[in-house]
N, C-alpha and C. Protein backbone atom coordinates (compact mmCIF):
# COMPACT_ATOMS: atom_id res chain seq x y z
N UNK A 1 92.13 152.30 234.82
CA UNK A 1 91.13 152.28 235.86
C UNK A 1 90.88 150.83 236.27
N UNK A 2 90.77 150.58 237.55
CA UNK A 2 90.50 149.25 238.08
C UNK A 2 89.07 149.20 238.61
N UNK A 3 88.47 148.05 238.47
CA UNK A 3 87.11 147.87 238.95
C UNK A 3 87.02 146.53 239.68
N UNK A 4 86.53 146.56 240.89
CA UNK A 4 86.29 145.34 241.66
C UNK A 4 84.78 145.15 241.75
N UNK A 5 84.33 143.94 241.51
CA UNK A 5 82.91 143.66 241.41
C UNK A 5 82.50 142.63 242.46
N UNK A 6 81.36 142.84 243.15
CA UNK A 6 80.90 141.85 244.13
C UNK A 6 80.12 140.72 243.48
N UNK A 7 80.28 139.52 244.02
CA UNK A 7 79.54 138.37 243.53
C UNK A 7 79.37 137.35 244.65
N UNK A 8 78.45 136.39 244.45
CA UNK A 8 78.17 135.38 245.47
C UNK A 8 78.72 134.03 245.01
N UNK A 9 79.42 133.36 245.90
CA UNK A 9 79.99 132.06 245.59
C UNK A 9 78.86 131.03 245.51
N UNK A 10 78.76 130.36 244.36
CA UNK A 10 77.74 129.35 244.15
C UNK A 10 78.24 127.95 244.50
N UNK A 11 79.47 127.66 244.09
CA UNK A 11 80.07 126.36 244.39
C UNK A 11 81.57 126.43 244.19
N UNK A 12 82.27 125.59 244.94
CA UNK A 12 83.71 125.51 244.80
C UNK A 12 84.01 124.43 243.76
N UNK A 13 84.78 124.80 242.74
CA UNK A 13 85.07 123.89 241.64
C UNK A 13 86.36 123.09 241.87
N UNK A 14 87.30 123.69 242.59
CA UNK A 14 88.60 123.05 242.85
C UNK A 14 89.01 123.39 244.26
N UNK A 15 89.25 122.39 245.08
CA UNK A 15 89.61 122.59 246.49
C UNK A 15 91.11 122.60 246.74
N UNK A 16 91.92 122.47 245.69
CA UNK A 16 93.37 122.49 245.86
C UNK A 16 93.77 123.82 246.50
N UNK A 17 94.44 123.81 247.67
CA UNK A 17 94.72 125.06 248.39
C UNK A 17 95.42 126.14 247.55
N UNK A 18 96.37 125.76 246.71
CA UNK A 18 97.10 126.77 245.95
C UNK A 18 96.40 127.16 244.64
N UNK A 19 95.28 126.50 244.33
CA UNK A 19 94.56 126.82 243.10
C UNK A 19 93.06 126.71 243.30
N UNK A 20 92.58 127.13 244.45
CA UNK A 20 91.15 127.02 244.79
C UNK A 20 90.33 127.93 243.87
N UNK A 21 89.32 127.34 243.23
CA UNK A 21 88.52 128.08 242.26
C UNK A 21 87.04 127.84 242.57
N UNK A 22 86.24 128.90 242.40
CA UNK A 22 84.80 128.80 242.63
C UNK A 22 84.02 129.38 241.46
N UNK A 23 82.78 128.93 241.34
CA UNK A 23 81.85 129.56 240.40
C UNK A 23 81.16 130.67 241.19
N UNK A 24 81.23 131.88 240.66
CA UNK A 24 80.68 133.06 241.34
C UNK A 24 79.64 133.72 240.45
N UNK A 25 78.52 134.10 241.07
CA UNK A 25 77.42 134.76 240.36
C UNK A 25 77.52 136.27 240.55
N UNK A 26 77.59 136.98 239.43
CA UNK A 26 77.61 138.44 239.43
C UNK A 26 76.30 138.94 238.84
N UNK A 27 75.25 138.96 239.64
CA UNK A 27 73.93 139.43 239.20
C UNK A 27 73.49 138.74 237.92
N UNK A 28 73.65 137.41 237.89
CA UNK A 28 73.20 136.64 236.75
C UNK A 28 74.30 136.17 235.81
N UNK A 29 75.46 136.75 235.89
CA UNK A 29 76.60 136.33 235.08
C UNK A 29 77.50 135.47 235.96
N UNK A 30 77.80 134.25 235.49
CA UNK A 30 78.60 133.32 236.28
C UNK A 30 80.01 133.22 235.71
N UNK A 31 80.98 133.30 236.60
CA UNK A 31 82.40 133.23 236.19
C UNK A 31 83.17 132.38 237.18
N UNK A 32 84.28 131.81 236.72
CA UNK A 32 85.21 131.12 237.60
C UNK A 32 86.12 132.14 238.23
N UNK A 33 86.31 132.03 239.55
CA UNK A 33 87.11 133.00 240.30
C UNK A 33 88.10 132.25 241.18
N UNK A 34 89.31 132.75 241.24
CA UNK A 34 90.35 132.15 242.08
C UNK A 34 90.16 132.64 243.51
N UNK A 35 90.14 131.68 244.46
CA UNK A 35 89.95 132.01 245.88
C UNK A 35 91.24 131.91 246.69
N UNK A 36 92.38 131.85 246.04
CA UNK A 36 93.64 131.61 246.74
C UNK A 36 93.90 132.64 247.85
N UNK A 37 93.44 133.86 247.71
CA UNK A 37 93.67 134.89 248.72
C UNK A 37 92.67 134.84 249.87
N UNK A 38 91.61 134.04 249.71
CA UNK A 38 90.56 133.94 250.73
C UNK A 38 90.28 132.47 251.06
N UNK A 39 91.19 131.82 251.75
CA UNK A 39 90.97 130.40 252.07
C UNK A 39 89.72 130.15 252.90
N UNK A 40 89.24 131.17 253.60
CA UNK A 40 88.05 131.02 254.45
C UNK A 40 86.74 131.19 253.68
N UNK A 41 86.80 131.61 252.41
CA UNK A 41 85.59 131.83 251.62
C UNK A 41 84.83 130.52 251.42
N UNK A 42 83.49 130.62 251.52
CA UNK A 42 82.64 129.42 251.42
C UNK A 42 81.43 129.72 250.53
N UNK A 43 80.77 128.66 250.13
CA UNK A 43 79.55 128.79 249.33
C UNK A 43 78.57 129.70 250.08
N UNK A 44 77.98 130.64 249.34
CA UNK A 44 77.03 131.59 249.92
C UNK A 44 77.65 132.91 250.32
N UNK A 45 78.97 132.94 250.49
CA UNK A 45 79.66 134.20 250.82
C UNK A 45 79.65 135.14 249.63
N UNK A 46 79.66 136.43 249.92
CA UNK A 46 79.85 137.44 248.89
C UNK A 46 81.31 137.88 248.93
N UNK A 47 81.89 137.99 247.75
CA UNK A 47 83.29 138.37 247.63
C UNK A 47 83.43 139.51 246.64
N UNK A 48 84.47 140.31 246.83
CA UNK A 48 84.84 141.33 245.86
C UNK A 48 85.90 140.70 244.96
N UNK A 49 85.71 140.84 243.65
CA UNK A 49 86.60 140.19 242.69
C UNK A 49 87.25 141.24 241.80
N UNK A 50 88.55 141.10 241.64
CA UNK A 50 89.32 141.96 240.74
C UNK A 50 90.27 141.08 239.95
N UNK A 51 90.25 141.21 238.64
CA UNK A 51 91.16 140.48 237.74
C UNK A 51 91.10 138.98 237.96
N UNK A 52 89.91 138.45 238.27
CA UNK A 52 89.72 137.02 238.41
C UNK A 52 90.04 136.45 239.78
N UNK A 53 90.43 137.31 240.73
CA UNK A 53 90.77 136.87 242.08
C UNK A 53 89.81 137.50 243.09
N UNK A 54 89.27 136.68 243.99
CA UNK A 54 88.48 137.20 245.11
C UNK A 54 89.46 137.85 246.08
N UNK A 55 89.20 139.10 246.44
CA UNK A 55 90.14 139.83 247.28
C UNK A 55 89.62 140.11 248.68
N UNK A 56 88.29 140.14 248.85
CA UNK A 56 87.69 140.44 250.15
C UNK A 56 86.34 139.76 250.29
N UNK A 57 86.01 139.38 251.51
CA UNK A 57 84.64 138.97 251.83
C UNK A 57 83.88 140.24 252.19
N UNK A 58 82.62 140.34 251.78
CA UNK A 58 81.82 141.52 252.13
C UNK A 58 80.42 141.06 252.57
N UNK A 59 79.76 141.88 253.38
CA UNK A 59 78.40 141.55 253.82
C UNK A 59 77.43 141.54 252.63
N UNK A 60 76.42 140.70 252.70
CA UNK A 60 75.44 140.58 251.63
C UNK A 60 74.80 141.93 251.30
N UNK A 61 74.42 142.68 252.31
CA UNK A 61 73.75 143.97 252.06
C UNK A 61 74.65 144.91 251.25
N UNK A 62 75.92 144.93 251.55
CA UNK A 62 76.86 145.78 250.81
C UNK A 62 77.00 145.31 249.36
N UNK A 63 77.06 144.01 249.16
CA UNK A 63 77.17 143.46 247.80
C UNK A 63 75.93 143.79 246.98
N UNK A 64 74.75 143.61 247.57
CA UNK A 64 73.51 143.89 246.85
C UNK A 64 73.37 145.37 246.53
N UNK A 65 73.82 146.22 247.43
CA UNK A 65 73.78 147.67 247.18
C UNK A 65 74.70 148.03 246.01
N UNK A 66 75.87 147.45 245.97
CA UNK A 66 76.80 147.72 244.87
C UNK A 66 76.23 147.23 243.55
N UNK A 67 75.59 146.04 243.56
CA UNK A 67 74.99 145.52 242.33
C UNK A 67 73.87 146.44 241.84
N UNK A 68 73.11 147.01 242.77
CA UNK A 68 72.05 147.94 242.38
C UNK A 68 72.65 149.20 241.75
N UNK A 69 73.75 149.68 242.27
CA UNK A 69 74.42 150.84 241.66
C UNK A 69 74.87 150.53 240.24
N UNK A 70 75.39 149.33 240.01
CA UNK A 70 75.80 148.93 238.66
C UNK A 70 74.59 148.90 237.72
N UNK A 71 73.45 148.39 238.20
CA UNK A 71 72.24 148.37 237.38
C UNK A 71 71.80 149.79 237.02
N UNK A 72 71.88 150.71 237.98
CA UNK A 72 71.52 152.10 237.71
C UNK A 72 72.43 152.71 236.65
N UNK A 73 73.70 152.42 236.74
CA UNK A 73 74.65 152.92 235.74
C UNK A 73 74.31 152.36 234.36
N UNK A 74 73.97 151.07 234.30
CA UNK A 74 73.59 150.46 233.02
C UNK A 74 72.36 151.14 232.44
N UNK A 75 71.36 151.41 233.27
CA UNK A 75 70.14 152.06 232.78
C UNK A 75 70.45 153.47 232.27
N UNK A 76 71.25 154.21 233.00
CA UNK A 76 71.60 155.56 232.58
C UNK A 76 72.40 155.55 231.28
N UNK A 77 73.31 154.61 231.16
CA UNK A 77 74.11 154.50 229.94
C UNK A 77 73.25 154.13 228.76
N UNK A 78 72.31 153.19 228.97
CA UNK A 78 71.42 152.76 227.89
C UNK A 78 70.52 153.91 227.43
N UNK A 79 70.01 154.69 228.37
CA UNK A 79 69.13 155.81 227.97
C UNK A 79 69.92 156.92 227.30
N UNK A 80 71.18 157.09 227.65
CA UNK A 80 72.01 158.12 227.00
C UNK A 80 72.36 157.72 225.57
N UNK A 81 72.45 156.40 225.33
CA UNK A 81 72.79 155.90 223.98
C UNK A 81 71.58 155.91 223.05
N UNK A 82 70.37 156.00 223.61
CA UNK A 82 69.15 155.93 222.79
C UNK A 82 68.88 157.21 222.05
């Protein structure tokens, strides 16, 4: 099963075109993400990330909605484990 997760670009760490990397925030978790497939991505943009690579730019509202769905899943999973 594959999962793509939305996150917001906080800062670009490496501007080298073939190895462009950014720090991306995933609802409080920060990770380094490769931007090689999205040369137009900029600080503040929301991106969908799969396997460490940003694959798509998405609107903020869509990203926030997806993050809320993940939070709901976490709450349901936590209550089922209790």
